[in-house]
N, C-alpha and C. Protein backbone atom coordinates (compact mmCIF):
# COMPACT_ATOMS: atom_id res chain seq x y z
N UNK A 1 -151.22 -11.97 129.07
CA UNK A 1 -150.69 -10.69 128.62
C UNK A 1 -149.67 -10.95 127.53
N UNK A 2 -149.74 -10.18 126.46
CA UNK A 2 -148.74 -10.27 125.40
C UNK A 2 -147.42 -9.73 125.91
N UNK A 3 -146.34 -10.30 125.40
CA UNK A 3 -145.00 -9.87 125.80
C UNK A 3 -144.26 -9.31 124.60
N UNK A 4 -143.37 -8.40 124.86
CA UNK A 4 -142.48 -7.85 123.85
C UNK A 4 -141.09 -8.32 124.20
N UNK A 5 -140.36 -8.78 123.20
CA UNK A 5 -138.99 -9.22 123.46
C UNK A 5 -138.16 -8.08 124.01
N UNK A 6 -137.13 -8.43 124.75
CA UNK A 6 -136.22 -7.42 125.28
C UNK A 6 -135.55 -6.68 124.13
N UNK A 7 -135.25 -5.43 124.37
CA UNK A 7 -134.51 -4.62 123.42
C UNK A 7 -133.13 -5.24 123.24
N UNK A 8 -132.52 -5.07 122.07
CA UNK A 8 -131.20 -5.62 121.85
C UNK A 8 -130.27 -5.12 122.94
N UNK A 9 -129.61 -6.04 123.64
CA UNK A 9 -128.80 -5.63 124.80
C UNK A 9 -127.55 -4.86 124.42
N UNK A 10 -127.14 -4.02 125.34
CA UNK A 10 -125.90 -3.26 125.20
C UNK A 10 -124.99 -3.62 126.36
N UNK A 11 -123.73 -3.82 126.07
CA UNK A 11 -122.76 -4.16 127.11
C UNK A 11 -122.23 -2.88 127.74
N UNK A 12 -122.27 -2.83 129.08
CA UNK A 12 -121.75 -1.70 129.84
C UNK A 12 -120.50 -2.15 130.59
N UNK A 13 -119.49 -1.29 130.57
CA UNK A 13 -118.27 -1.54 131.35
C UNK A 13 -118.07 -0.44 132.39
N UNK A 14 -118.98 0.52 132.43
CA UNK A 14 -118.94 1.62 133.39
C UNK A 14 -120.38 2.07 133.65
N UNK A 15 -120.58 2.83 134.70
CA UNK A 15 -121.91 3.35 135.05
C UNK A 15 -122.48 4.17 133.90
N UNK A 16 -123.83 4.15 133.76
CA UNK A 16 -124.45 4.96 132.72
C UNK A 16 -125.93 4.72 132.59
N UNK A 17 -126.58 5.55 131.76
CA UNK A 17 -128.01 5.43 131.49
C UNK A 17 -128.22 4.28 130.52
N UNK A 18 -129.07 3.35 130.90
CA UNK A 18 -129.40 2.21 130.06
C UNK A 18 -130.57 2.57 129.15
N UNK A 19 -131.59 3.24 129.70
CA UNK A 19 -132.79 3.59 128.93
C UNK A 19 -133.38 4.87 129.51
N UNK A 20 -133.86 5.73 128.63
CA UNK A 20 -134.56 6.94 129.03
C UNK A 20 -136.04 6.77 128.73
N UNK A 21 -136.88 6.97 129.72
CA UNK A 21 -138.31 6.83 129.55
C UNK A 21 -138.82 5.52 130.14
N UNK A 22 -140.15 5.33 130.12
CA UNK A 22 -140.75 4.15 130.71
C UNK A 22 -140.24 2.86 130.05
N UNK A 23 -140.02 1.85 130.89
CA UNK A 23 -139.54 0.57 130.38
C UNK A 23 -139.83 -0.52 131.40
N UNK A 24 -139.58 -1.75 130.98
CA UNK A 24 -139.70 -2.90 131.87
C UNK A 24 -138.31 -3.52 132.01
N UNK A 25 -137.80 -3.52 133.23
CA UNK A 25 -136.50 -4.12 133.53
C UNK A 25 -136.70 -5.62 133.67
N UNK A 26 -135.85 -6.39 132.99
CA UNK A 26 -135.98 -7.85 133.00
C UNK A 26 -134.80 -8.55 133.65
N UNK A 27 -133.73 -7.83 133.91
CA UNK A 27 -132.59 -8.44 134.58
C UNK A 27 -131.28 -8.03 133.95
N UNK A 28 -130.21 -8.69 134.37
CA UNK A 28 -128.90 -8.41 133.79
C UNK A 28 -128.00 -9.63 133.97
N UNK A 29 -127.01 -9.73 133.09
CA UNK A 29 -125.97 -10.73 133.19
C UNK A 29 -124.66 -10.01 133.42
N UNK A 30 -123.79 -10.64 134.18
CA UNK A 30 -122.56 -10.01 134.63
C UNK A 30 -121.37 -10.91 134.35
N UNK A 31 -120.36 -10.36 133.69
CA UNK A 31 -119.11 -11.06 133.47
C UNK A 31 -117.99 -10.29 134.16
N UNK A 32 -117.04 -11.03 134.75
CA UNK A 32 -115.98 -10.37 135.51
C UNK A 32 -114.61 -10.83 135.03
N UNK A 33 -113.59 -10.21 135.57
CA UNK A 33 -112.22 -10.59 135.23
C UNK A 33 -111.73 -11.76 136.09
N UNK A 34 -112.57 -12.24 137.00
CA UNK A 34 -112.22 -13.37 137.84
C UNK A 34 -111.45 -13.01 139.09
N UNK A 35 -111.13 -11.73 139.26
CA UNK A 35 -110.31 -11.31 140.39
C UNK A 35 -110.98 -10.21 141.21
N UNK A 36 -111.46 -9.17 140.55
CA UNK A 36 -112.00 -7.98 141.22
C UNK A 36 -113.51 -8.07 141.33
N UNK A 37 -114.03 -8.06 142.56
CA UNK A 37 -115.47 -8.15 142.80
C UNK A 37 -116.17 -6.85 142.43
N UNK A 38 -117.11 -6.87 141.47
CA UNK A 38 -117.85 -5.65 141.14
C UNK A 38 -119.02 -5.42 142.10
N UNK A 39 -119.37 -4.16 142.27
CA UNK A 39 -120.54 -3.76 143.03
C UNK A 39 -121.52 -3.16 142.02
N UNK A 40 -122.74 -3.72 141.98
CA UNK A 40 -123.73 -3.33 140.98
C UNK A 40 -125.00 -2.84 141.67
N UNK A 41 -125.57 -1.75 141.16
CA UNK A 41 -126.89 -1.26 141.57
C UNK A 41 -127.63 -0.83 140.32
N UNK A 42 -128.93 -1.14 140.24
CA UNK A 42 -129.77 -0.69 139.12
C UNK A 42 -130.87 0.18 139.70
N UNK A 43 -131.07 1.34 139.06
CA UNK A 43 -132.04 2.34 139.55
C UNK A 43 -133.14 2.60 138.53
N UNK A 44 -134.33 2.91 139.03
CA UNK A 44 -135.40 3.49 138.22
C UNK A 44 -135.12 4.99 138.19
N UNK A 45 -134.46 5.45 137.16
CA UNK A 45 -134.08 6.85 137.08
C UNK A 45 -133.02 7.06 136.02
N UNK A 46 -132.53 8.28 135.95
CA UNK A 46 -131.51 8.64 134.97
C UNK A 46 -130.16 8.89 135.63
N UNK A 47 -130.10 8.64 136.94
CA UNK A 47 -128.85 8.72 137.69
C UNK A 47 -129.03 7.88 138.95
N UNK A 48 -128.07 7.95 139.86
CA UNK A 48 -128.14 7.10 141.04
C UNK A 48 -128.96 7.69 142.19
N UNK A 49 -129.81 8.67 141.88
CA UNK A 49 -130.69 9.22 142.91
C UNK A 49 -132.10 8.62 142.84
N UNK A 50 -132.34 7.76 141.85
CA UNK A 50 -133.65 7.14 141.71
C UNK A 50 -133.85 5.99 142.68
N UNK A 51 -135.00 5.35 142.56
CA UNK A 51 -135.33 4.20 143.41
C UNK A 51 -134.52 2.99 142.96
N UNK A 52 -133.96 2.26 143.91
CA UNK A 52 -133.21 1.05 143.57
C UNK A 52 -134.15 -0.05 143.10
N UNK A 53 -133.83 -0.61 141.94
CA UNK A 53 -134.57 -1.75 141.40
C UNK A 53 -133.82 -3.04 141.77
N UNK A 54 -132.51 -3.01 141.65
CA UNK A 54 -131.64 -4.08 142.14
C UNK A 54 -130.77 -3.44 143.22
N UNK A 55 -130.96 -3.83 144.47
CA UNK A 55 -130.19 -3.22 145.56
C UNK A 55 -128.68 -3.41 145.36
N UNK A 56 -127.92 -2.51 145.92
CA UNK A 56 -126.47 -2.58 145.83
C UNK A 56 -125.99 -3.94 146.34
N UNK A 57 -125.19 -4.61 145.50
CA UNK A 57 -124.71 -5.94 145.84
C UNK A 57 -123.31 -6.15 145.28
N UNK A 58 -122.46 -6.79 146.06
CA UNK A 58 -121.13 -7.16 145.60
C UNK A 58 -121.19 -8.58 145.05
N UNK A 59 -120.72 -8.77 143.82
CA UNK A 59 -120.74 -10.07 143.16
C UNK A 59 -119.35 -10.70 143.20
N UNK A 60 -119.30 -11.98 143.47
CA UNK A 60 -118.05 -12.72 143.60
C UNK A 60 -117.43 -12.96 142.23
N UNK A 61 -116.34 -12.29 141.96
CA UNK A 61 -115.67 -12.40 140.66
C UNK A 61 -115.04 -13.77 140.46
N UNK A 62 -114.79 -14.52 141.53
CA UNK A 62 -114.13 -15.81 141.38
C UNK A 62 -115.13 -16.95 141.16
N UNK A 63 -116.43 -16.66 141.22
CA UNK A 63 -117.45 -17.70 141.01
C UNK A 63 -117.45 -18.13 139.55
N UNK A 64 -117.60 -19.42 139.32
CA UNK A 64 -117.66 -19.93 137.96
C UNK A 64 -119.00 -19.61 137.34
N UNK A 65 -119.01 -19.35 136.04
CA UNK A 65 -120.24 -19.07 135.33
C UNK A 65 -120.61 -17.60 135.41
N UNK A 66 -121.80 -17.29 134.91
CA UNK A 66 -122.30 -15.91 134.89
C UNK A 66 -122.98 -15.56 136.21
N UNK A 67 -122.82 -14.34 136.63
CA UNK A 67 -123.57 -13.77 137.74
C UNK A 67 -124.68 -12.92 137.17
N UNK A 68 -125.53 -12.40 138.05
CA UNK A 68 -126.58 -11.48 137.64
C UNK A 68 -127.93 -11.90 138.17
N UNK A 69 -128.98 -11.34 137.57
CA UNK A 69 -130.34 -11.73 137.92
C UNK A 69 -131.19 -11.63 136.66
N UNK A 70 -132.09 -12.59 136.48
CA UNK A 70 -132.97 -12.59 135.31
C UNK A 70 -134.38 -12.97 135.76
N UNK A 71 -135.33 -12.84 134.86
CA UNK A 71 -136.70 -13.20 135.17
C UNK A 71 -137.48 -12.12 135.89
N UNK A 72 -136.93 -10.92 135.96
CA UNK A 72 -137.60 -9.80 136.62
C UNK A 72 -138.55 -9.14 135.61
N UNK A 73 -139.67 -8.67 136.05
CA UNK A 73 -140.62 -7.91 135.21
C UNK A 73 -141.00 -6.64 135.96
N UNK A 74 -140.02 -5.75 136.18
CA UNK A 74 -140.23 -4.54 136.98
C UNK A 74 -140.46 -3.34 136.09
N UNK A 75 -141.63 -2.71 136.23
CA UNK A 75 -141.92 -1.48 135.49
C UNK A 75 -141.13 -0.33 136.08
N UNK A 76 -140.50 0.46 135.24
CA UNK A 76 -139.75 1.65 135.66
C UNK A 76 -140.31 2.84 134.89
N UNK A 77 -140.83 3.83 135.60
CA UNK A 77 -141.50 4.94 134.95
C UNK A 77 -140.56 6.00 134.39
N UNK A 78 -139.34 6.07 134.90
CA UNK A 78 -138.41 7.13 134.50
C UNK A 78 -137.36 6.66 133.52
N UNK A 79 -136.82 5.50 133.75
CA UNK A 79 -135.74 4.95 132.93
C UNK A 79 -134.91 3.99 133.75
N UNK A 80 -133.77 3.60 133.21
CA UNK A 80 -132.88 2.70 133.92
C UNK A 80 -131.48 3.28 133.97
N UNK A 81 -130.90 3.26 135.15
CA UNK A 81 -129.52 3.70 135.34
C UNK A 81 -128.77 2.57 136.01
N UNK A 82 -127.61 2.25 135.47
CA UNK A 82 -126.76 1.19 135.99
C UNK A 82 -125.53 1.80 136.65
N UNK A 83 -125.29 1.44 137.90
CA UNK A 83 -124.09 1.91 138.60
C UNK A 83 -123.15 0.73 138.81
N UNK A 84 -121.92 0.89 138.34
CA UNK A 84 -120.89 -0.14 138.45
C UNK A 84 -119.70 0.43 139.20
N UNK A 85 -119.24 -0.28 140.22
CA UNK A 85 -118.00 0.06 140.90
C UNK A 85 -117.12 -1.19 140.88
N UNK A 86 -115.93 -1.07 140.30
CA UNK A 86 -115.05 -2.23 140.22
C UNK A 86 -113.63 -1.76 139.94
N UNK A 87 -112.67 -2.36 140.63
CA UNK A 87 -111.26 -2.01 140.42
C UNK A 87 -110.69 -2.67 139.17
N UNK A 88 -111.39 -3.67 138.64
CA UNK A 88 -110.90 -4.39 137.46
C UNK A 88 -111.90 -4.31 136.32
N UNK A 89 -111.83 -5.30 135.45
CA UNK A 89 -112.71 -5.35 134.27
C UNK A 89 -114.02 -6.04 134.61
N UNK A 90 -115.11 -5.47 134.12
CA UNK A 90 -116.44 -6.05 134.31
C UNK A 90 -117.30 -5.69 133.11
N UNK A 91 -118.22 -6.60 132.76
CA UNK A 91 -119.18 -6.36 131.69
C UNK A 91 -120.57 -6.67 132.22
N UNK A 92 -121.50 -5.74 131.99
CA UNK A 92 -122.88 -5.93 132.44
C UNK A 92 -123.78 -5.76 131.22
N UNK A 93 -124.62 -6.77 130.96
CA UNK A 93 -125.58 -6.72 129.87
C UNK A 93 -126.97 -6.65 130.50
N UNK A 94 -127.62 -5.49 130.33
CA UNK A 94 -128.94 -5.26 130.94
C UNK A 94 -130.03 -5.68 129.96
N UNK A 95 -131.01 -6.41 130.46
CA UNK A 95 -132.15 -6.85 129.66
C UNK A 95 -133.36 -6.00 130.04
N UNK A 96 -133.95 -5.34 129.05
CA UNK A 96 -135.11 -4.50 129.30
C UNK A 96 -135.89 -4.31 128.01
N UNK A 97 -137.11 -3.82 128.14
CA UNK A 97 -137.96 -3.52 126.99
C UNK A 97 -138.60 -2.16 127.19
N UNK A 98 -138.67 -1.34 126.14
CA UNK A 98 -139.40 -0.07 126.26
C UNK A 98 -140.86 -0.35 126.61
N UNK A 99 -141.49 0.57 127.32
CA UNK A 99 -142.89 0.44 127.69
C UNK A 99 -143.72 1.35 126.81
N UNK A 100 -144.71 0.77 126.14
CA UNK A 100 -145.60 1.53 125.27
C UNK A 100 -147.01 1.44 125.83
N UNK A 101 -147.54 2.51 126.44
CA UNK A 101 -148.84 2.43 127.09
C UNK A 101 -149.99 2.06 126.16
N UNK A 102 -149.86 2.34 124.87
CA UNK A 102 -150.93 2.01 123.93
C UNK A 102 -150.58 0.79 123.08
N UNK A 103 -149.47 0.13 123.37
CA UNK A 103 -149.04 -1.02 122.58
C UNK A 103 -149.35 -2.33 123.27
N UNK A 104 -148.74 -3.39 122.79
CA UNK A 104 -149.01 -4.71 123.34
C UNK A 104 -148.42 -4.88 124.73
N UNK A 105 -147.39 -4.09 125.06
CA UNK A 105 -146.79 -4.21 126.40
C UNK A 105 -147.42 -3.16 127.31
N UNK A 106 -148.61 -3.44 127.76
CA UNK A 106 -149.29 -2.54 128.68
C UNK A 106 -149.82 -3.35 129.84
N UNK A 107 -149.91 -2.74 130.98
CA UNK A 107 -150.36 -3.45 132.16
C UNK A 107 -151.87 -3.47 132.21
N UNK A 108 -152.41 -4.61 132.54
CA UNK A 108 -153.87 -4.72 132.67
C UNK A 108 -154.28 -4.10 134.00
N UNK A 109 -155.28 -3.22 133.98
CA UNK A 109 -155.69 -2.50 135.18
C UNK A 109 -156.69 -3.16 135.96
């Protein structure tokens, strides 16, 4: 299957819509302030009422290196919504690609 590179990433510091419309979620990278543990959830939807793609998880802010998850190829029919809860500073970079049913990024049936 042909692949399309991820869309240019956007850094999120608060909850919000990552993408509107069909897309392929590929993962996210997480940076923290080293003190306050963030809680992250990613949804297939335009708000936090959609299906969870990445279940709610608390990430250890004191861990060395980057947190997150990568290597995911999850189709989302509605869009992507990122929910962030954190008492301190956090940065989340979501990796995803728009889905084009008639383009090179289509699922083989």
